[in-house]
Amino acid sequence: MDFQELYRNVQGIVRRCYKDYYLHLWEYSDWEQEGMMALYELVKSRPELLQDKTMLYRCFKTKFRNRIHDKIRRQESQKRKLDKAPYEEVSEIGHKLRMKEMYLDELVAFRSAMAEYRSGLGPEEYKQYERLMADERFKGRKAMLRDLSEHLRDFNPRLD
């Protein structure tokens, strides 16, 4: 049995994964290529699967889905968000865009500003800050919110 014929037996799994999952900038040909590589590696490492088609089908399905899940994890990893291509047609993926989250560089700057604010607090103010973060009510809450808002002016466009 040649490789193309063997691949046609498991091609349905690749097609199904293509419909179920989204990978950034991947076309169907990329999915097919990944499926062929997974099949080749599987047959090379376990040649006895060529004798048992059902076991080959099961092993391929597991191996291929695990590869896709790894690619998705890598794609969605917070530290790799800046590695993505700078442009992608919005009409194709507009339904997947999240508008309320910060970009990685903004998040780093925000955390730094919050750490700077915390370092400038006295012991009593720090306790109040902890209560503020826990969404508790206390005397001086509004004043602390105003002070924090002033400190984080760069992150709130309405204050400019």
C-alpha atoms as a PDB file:
ATOM      1  CA  MET A   1       0.000   0.000   0.000  1.00  0.00           C
ATOM      2  CA  ASP A   2       1.457   3.374  -0.953  1.00  0.00           C
ATOM      3  CA  PHE A   3       1.478   6.413   1.328  1.00  0.00           C
ATOM      4  CA  GLN A   4      -1.181   8.379  -0.594  1.00  0.00           C
ATOM      5  CA  GLU A   5      -3.654   5.539  -0.283  1.00  0.00           C
ATOM      6  CA  LEU A   6      -2.837   5.166   3.403  1.00  0.00           C
ATOM      7  CA  TYR A   7      -3.372   8.889   3.902  1.00  0.00           C
ATOM      8  CA  ARG A   8      -6.749   8.796   2.129  1.00  0.00           C
ATOM      9  CA  ASN A   9      -7.897   6.312   4.795  1.00  0.00           C
ATOM     10  CA  VAL A  10      -7.313   8.853   7.577  1.00  0.00           C
ATOM     11  CA  GLN A  11      -8.009  12.055   5.650  1.00  0.00           C
ATOM     12  CA  GLY A  12     -11.478  12.338   7.215  1.00  0.00           C
ATOM     13  CA  ILE A  13      -9.898  12.969  10.608  1.00  0.00           C
ATOM     14  CA  VAL A  14      -7.890  15.863   9.187  1.00  0.00           C
ATOM     15  CA  ARG A  15     -11.002  17.304   7.536  1.00  0.00           C
ATOM     16  CA  ARG A  16     -12.963  17.038  10.776  1.00  0.00           C
ATOM     17  CA  CYS A  17     -10.246  18.796  12.780  1.00  0.00           C
ATOM     18  CA  TYR A  18     -10.106  21.512  10.122  1.00  0.00           C
ATOM     19  CA  LYS A  19     -13.820  22.152  10.689  1.00  0.00           C
ATOM     20  CA  ASP A  20     -13.615  21.955  14.502  1.00  0.00           C
ATOM     21  CA  TYR A  21     -10.515  24.027  15.263  1.00  0.00           C
ATOM     22  CA  TYR A  22      -9.060  27.366  14.211  1.00  0.00           C
ATOM     23  CA  LEU A  23      -5.351  27.905  13.727  1.00  0.00           C
ATOM     24  CA  HIS A  24      -4.036  31.359  12.932  1.00  0.00           C
ATOM     25  CA  LEU A  25      -3.208  31.811   9.212  1.00  0.00           C
ATOM     26  CA  TRP A  26      -3.578  28.083   8.415  1.00  0.00           C
ATOM     27  CA  GLU A  27      -5.232  27.032   5.193  1.00  0.00           C
ATOM     28  CA  TYR A  28      -6.560  23.573   4.410  1.00  0.00           C
ATOM     29  CA  SER A  29      -3.315  22.645   2.652  1.00  0.00           C
ATOM     30  CA  ASP A  30      -1.454  23.312   5.925  1.00  0.00           C
ATOM     31  CA  TRP A  31      -3.803  20.934   7.715  1.00  0.00           C
ATOM     32  CA  GLU A  32      -3.222  18.274   5.071  1.00  0.00           C
ATOM     33  CA  GLN A  33       0.531  18.682   5.318  1.00  0.00           C
ATOM     34  CA  GLU A  34       0.405  18.387   9.112  1.00  0.00           C
ATOM     35  CA  GLY A  35      -1.761  15.271   8.761  1.00  0.00           C
ATOM     36  CA  MET A  36       0.708  13.685   6.347  1.00  0.00           C
ATOM     37  CA  MET A  37       3.624  14.442   8.670  1.00  0.00           C
ATOM     38  CA  ALA A  38       1.761  12.957  11.642  1.00  0.00           C
ATOM     39  CA  LEU A  39       0.903   9.830   9.648  1.00  0.00           C
ATOM     40  CA  TYR A  40       4.481   9.434   8.413  1.00  0.00           C
ATOM     41  CA  GLU A  41       5.891   9.757  11.939  1.00  0.00           C
ATOM     42  CA  LEU A  42       3.309   7.309  13.277  1.00  0.00           C
ATOM     43  CA  VAL A  43       3.991   4.658  10.643  1.00  0.00           C
ATOM     44  CA  LYS A  44       7.737   5.114  10.982  1.00  0.00           C
ATOM     45  CA  SER A  45       7.670   4.662  14.754  1.00  0.00           C
ATOM     46  CA  ARG A  46       5.075   1.858  14.747  1.00  0.00           C
ATOM     47  CA  PRO A  47       5.178  -0.103  11.452  1.00  0.00           C
ATOM     48  CA  GLU A  48       3.016  -2.884  12.903  1.00  0.00           C
ATOM     49  CA  LEU A  49       0.025  -0.526  12.560  1.00  0.00           C
ATOM     50  CA  LEU A  50       0.057  -1.130   8.797  1.00  0.00           C
ATOM     51  CA  GLN A  51      -1.385  -4.595   9.511  1.00  0.00           C
ATOM     52  CA  ASP A  52      -4.235  -3.363  11.752  1.00  0.00           C
ATOM     53  CA  LYS A  53      -6.259  -0.579  10.080  1.00  0.00           C
ATOM     54  CA  THR A  54      -8.566   0.116  13.015  1.00  0.00           C
ATOM     55  CA  MET A  55      -5.631   0.539  15.380  1.00  0.00           C
ATOM     56  CA  LEU A  56      -3.892   2.781  12.814  1.00  0.00           C
ATOM     57  CA  TYR A  57      -7.040   4.898  12.584  1.00  0.00           C
ATOM     58  CA  ARG A  58      -7.279   5.255  16.391  1.00  0.00           C
ATOM     59  CA  CYS A  59      -3.596   6.026  16.864  1.00  0.00           C
ATOM     60  CA  PHE A  60      -3.606   8.573  14.053  1.00  0.00           C
ATOM     61  CA  LYS A  61      -6.665  10.318  15.434  1.00  0.00           C
ATOM     62  CA  THR A  62      -5.051  10.641  18.864  1.00  0.00           C
ATOM     63  CA  LYS A  63      -1.666  11.715  17.502  1.00  0.00           C
ATOM     64  CA  PHE A  64      -3.107  14.249  15.074  1.00  0.00           C
ATOM     65  CA  ARG A  65      -5.499  15.829  17.578  1.00  0.00           C
ATOM     66  CA  ASN A  66      -2.704  16.098  20.141  1.00  0.00           C
ATOM     67  CA  ARG A  67      -0.531  17.873  17.566  1.00  0.00           C
ATOM     68  CA  ILE A  68      -3.352  20.309  16.791  1.00  0.00           C
ATOM     69  CA  HIS A  69      -4.003  20.947  20.469  1.00  0.00           C
ATOM     70  CA  ASP A  70      -0.301  21.696  20.954  1.00  0.00           C
ATOM     71  CA  LYS A  71      -0.382  24.157  18.053  1.00  0.00           C
ATOM     72  CA  ILE A  72      -3.466  25.853  19.504  1.00  0.00           C
ATOM     73  CA  ARG A  73      -1.841  26.092  22.951  1.00  0.00           C
ATOM     74  CA  ARG A  74       1.280  27.595  21.423  1.00  0.00           C
ATOM     75  CA  GLN A  75      -0.816  30.036  19.404  1.00  0.00           C
ATOM     76  CA  GLU A  76      -2.861  31.155  22.395  1.00  0.00           C
ATOM     77  CA  SER A  77       0.070  31.356  24.797  1.00  0.00           C
ATOM     78  CA  GLN A  78       0.198  34.795  26.415  1.00  0.00           C
ATOM     79  CA  LYS A  79       3.925  35.266  25.872  1.00  0.00           C
ATOM     80  CA  ARG A  80       3.665  34.505  22.147  1.00  0.00           C
ATOM     81  CA  LYS A  81       0.799  36.885  21.344  1.00  0.00           C
ATOM     82  CA  LEU A  82       3.309  39.443  20.067  1.00  0.00           C
ATOM     83  CA  ASP A  83       4.756  36.876  17.616  1.00  0.00           C
ATOM     84  CA  LYS A  84       1.594  36.802  15.529  1.00  0.00           C
ATOM     85  CA  ALA A  85       1.564  38.301  12.069  1.00  0.00           C
ATOM     86  CA  PRO A  86       0.733  42.021  12.146  1.00  0.00           C
ATOM     87  CA  TYR A  87      -2.181  41.800   9.705  1.00  0.00           C
ATOM     88  CA  GLU A  88      -5.026  39.431   9.207  1.00  0.00           C
ATOM     89  CA  GLU A  89      -8.272  40.046   7.349  1.00  0.00           C
ATOM     90  CA  VAL A  90     -10.739  41.066  10.062  1.00  0.00           C
ATOM     91  CA  SER A  91     -13.788  39.990   8.090  1.00  0.00           C
ATOM     92  CA  GLU A  92     -12.541  36.390   8.249  1.00  0.00           C
ATOM     93  CA  ILE A  93     -11.953  36.242  11.998  1.00  0.00           C
ATOM     94  CA  GLY A  94     -13.999  39.183  13.319  1.00  0.00           C
ATOM     95  CA  HIS A  95     -16.217  36.891  15.374  1.00  0.00           C
ATOM     96  CA  LYS A  96     -13.171  35.669  17.315  1.00  0.00           C
ATOM     97  CA  LEU A  97     -11.785  39.083  18.335  1.00  0.00           C
ATOM     98  CA  ARG A  98     -11.907  40.030  22.000  1.00  0.00           C
ATOM     99  CA  MET A  99     -12.146  43.754  22.602  1.00  0.00           C
ATOM    100  CA  LYS A 100     -11.884  44.000  26.392  1.00  0.00           C
ATOM    101  CA  GLU A 101      -8.459  42.524  27.020  1.00  0.00           C
ATOM    102  CA  MET A 102      -5.141  44.346  27.166  1.00  0.00           C
ATOM    103  CA  TYR A 103      -2.271  43.682  24.840  1.00  0.00           C
ATOM    104  CA  LEU A 104       0.802  42.149  26.431  1.00  0.00           C
ATOM    105  CA  ASP A 105       2.830  45.376  26.448  1.00  0.00           C
ATOM    106  CA  GLU A 106      -0.086  47.276  28.036  1.00  0.00           C
ATOM    107  CA  LEU A 107      -0.478  44.556  30.652  1.00  0.00           C
ATOM    108  CA  VAL A 108       3.204  44.750  31.605  1.00  0.00           C
ATOM    109  CA  ALA A 109       3.010  48.551  31.905  1.00  0.00           C
ATOM    110  CA  PHE A 110      -0.204  48.296  33.971  1.00  0.00           C
ATOM    111  CA  ARG A 111       1.296  45.771  36.394  1.00  0.00           C
ATOM    112  CA  SER A 112       4.360  47.951  36.756  1.00  0.00           C
ATOM    113  CA  ALA A 113       2.222  51.009  37.525  1.00  0.00           C
ATOM    114  CA  MET A 114       0.230  49.013  40.104  1.00  0.00           C
ATOM    115  CA  ALA A 115       3.451  47.797  41.772  1.00  0.00           C
ATOM    116  CA  GLU A 116       4.722  51.393  41.870  1.00  0.00           C
ATOM    117  CA  TYR A 117       1.468  52.530  43.470  1.00  0.00           C
ATOM    118  CA  ARG A 118       1.601  49.749  46.097  1.00  0.00           C
ATOM    119  CA  SER A 119       5.219  50.538  46.972  1.00  0.00           C
ATOM    120  CA  GLY A 120       4.258  54.141  47.804  1.00  0.00           C
ATOM    121  CA  LEU A 121       1.622  53.124  50.357  1.00  0.00           C
ATOM    122  CA  GLY A 122       2.090  53.107  54.118  1.00  0.00           C
ATOM    123  CA  PRO A 123       1.101  50.098  56.251  1.00  0.00           C
ATOM    124  CA  GLU A 124      -2.439  51.371  56.950  1.00  0.00           C
ATOM    125  CA  GLU A 125      -2.981  52.443  53.347  1.00  0.00           C
ATOM    126  CA  TYR A 126      -1.722  49.045  52.181  1.00  0.00           C
ATOM    127  CA  LYS A 127      -4.390  47.330  54.308  1.00  0.00           C
ATOM    128  CA  GLN A 128      -7.000  49.597  52.722  1.00  0.00           C
ATOM    129  CA  TYR A 129      -5.582  48.781  49.292  1.00  0.00           C
ATOM    130  CA  GLU A 130      -5.950  45.043  50.021  1.00  0.00           C
ATOM    131  CA  ARG A 131      -9.569  45.645  51.066  1.00  0.00           C
ATOM    132  CA  LEU A 132     -10.127  47.653  47.885  1.00  0.00           C
ATOM    133  CA  MET A 133      -8.814  44.785  45.756  1.00  0.00           C
ATOM    134  CA  ALA A 134     -11.131  42.401  47.631  1.00  0.00           C
ATOM    135  CA  ASP A 135     -14.030  44.782  46.784  1.00  0.00           C
ATOM    136  CA  GLU A 136     -14.744  45.462  50.454  1.00  0.00           C
ATOM    137  CA  ARG A 137     -16.275  48.681  51.790  1.00  0.00           C
ATOM    138  CA  PHE A 138     -14.276  50.912  54.146  1.00  0.00           C
ATOM    139  CA  LYS A 139     -13.901  54.541  55.144  1.00  0.00           C
ATOM    140  CA  GLY A 140     -11.697  56.370  52.629  1.00  0.00           C
ATOM    141  CA  ARG A 141     -12.535  54.047  49.734  1.00  0.00           C
ATOM    142  CA  LYS A 142     -13.611  56.844  47.369  1.00  0.00           C
ATOM    143  CA  ALA A 143     -10.482  58.869  48.120  1.00  0.00           C
ATOM    144  CA  MET A 144      -8.273  55.850  47.452  1.00  0.00           C
ATOM    145  CA  LEU A 145     -10.135  55.153  44.191  1.00  0.00           C
ATOM    146  CA  ARG A 146      -9.609  58.768  43.086  1.00  0.00           C
ATOM    147  CA  ASP A 147      -5.910  58.571  43.999  1.00  0.00           C
ATOM    148  CA  LEU A 148      -5.506  55.251  42.174  1.00  0.00           C
ATOM    149  CA  SER A 149      -7.423  56.619  39.192  1.00  0.00           C
ATOM    150  CA  GLU A 150      -5.088  59.603  39.049  1.00  0.00           C
ATOM    151  CA  HIS A 151      -2.053  57.305  39.280  1.00  0.00           C
ATOM    152  CA  LEU A 152      -3.388  55.123  36.427  1.00  0.00           C
ATOM    153  CA  ARG A 153      -4.400  58.061  34.223  1.00  0.00           C
ATOM    154  CA  ASP A 154      -2.511  56.622  31.214  1.00  0.00           C
ATOM    155  CA  PHE A 155      -4.770  53.552  31.165  1.00  0.00           C
ATOM    156  CA  ASN A 156      -8.104  55.405  31.257  1.00  0.00           C
ATOM    157  CA  PRO A 157      -8.810  57.422  28.086  1.00  0.00           C
ATOM    158  CA  ARG A 158     -11.740  59.296  29.724  1.00  0.00           C
ATOM    159  CA  LEU A 159      -9.382  61.075  32.136  1.00  0.00           C
ATOM    160  CA  ASP A 160      -7.288  62.762  29.438  1.00  0.00           C
END
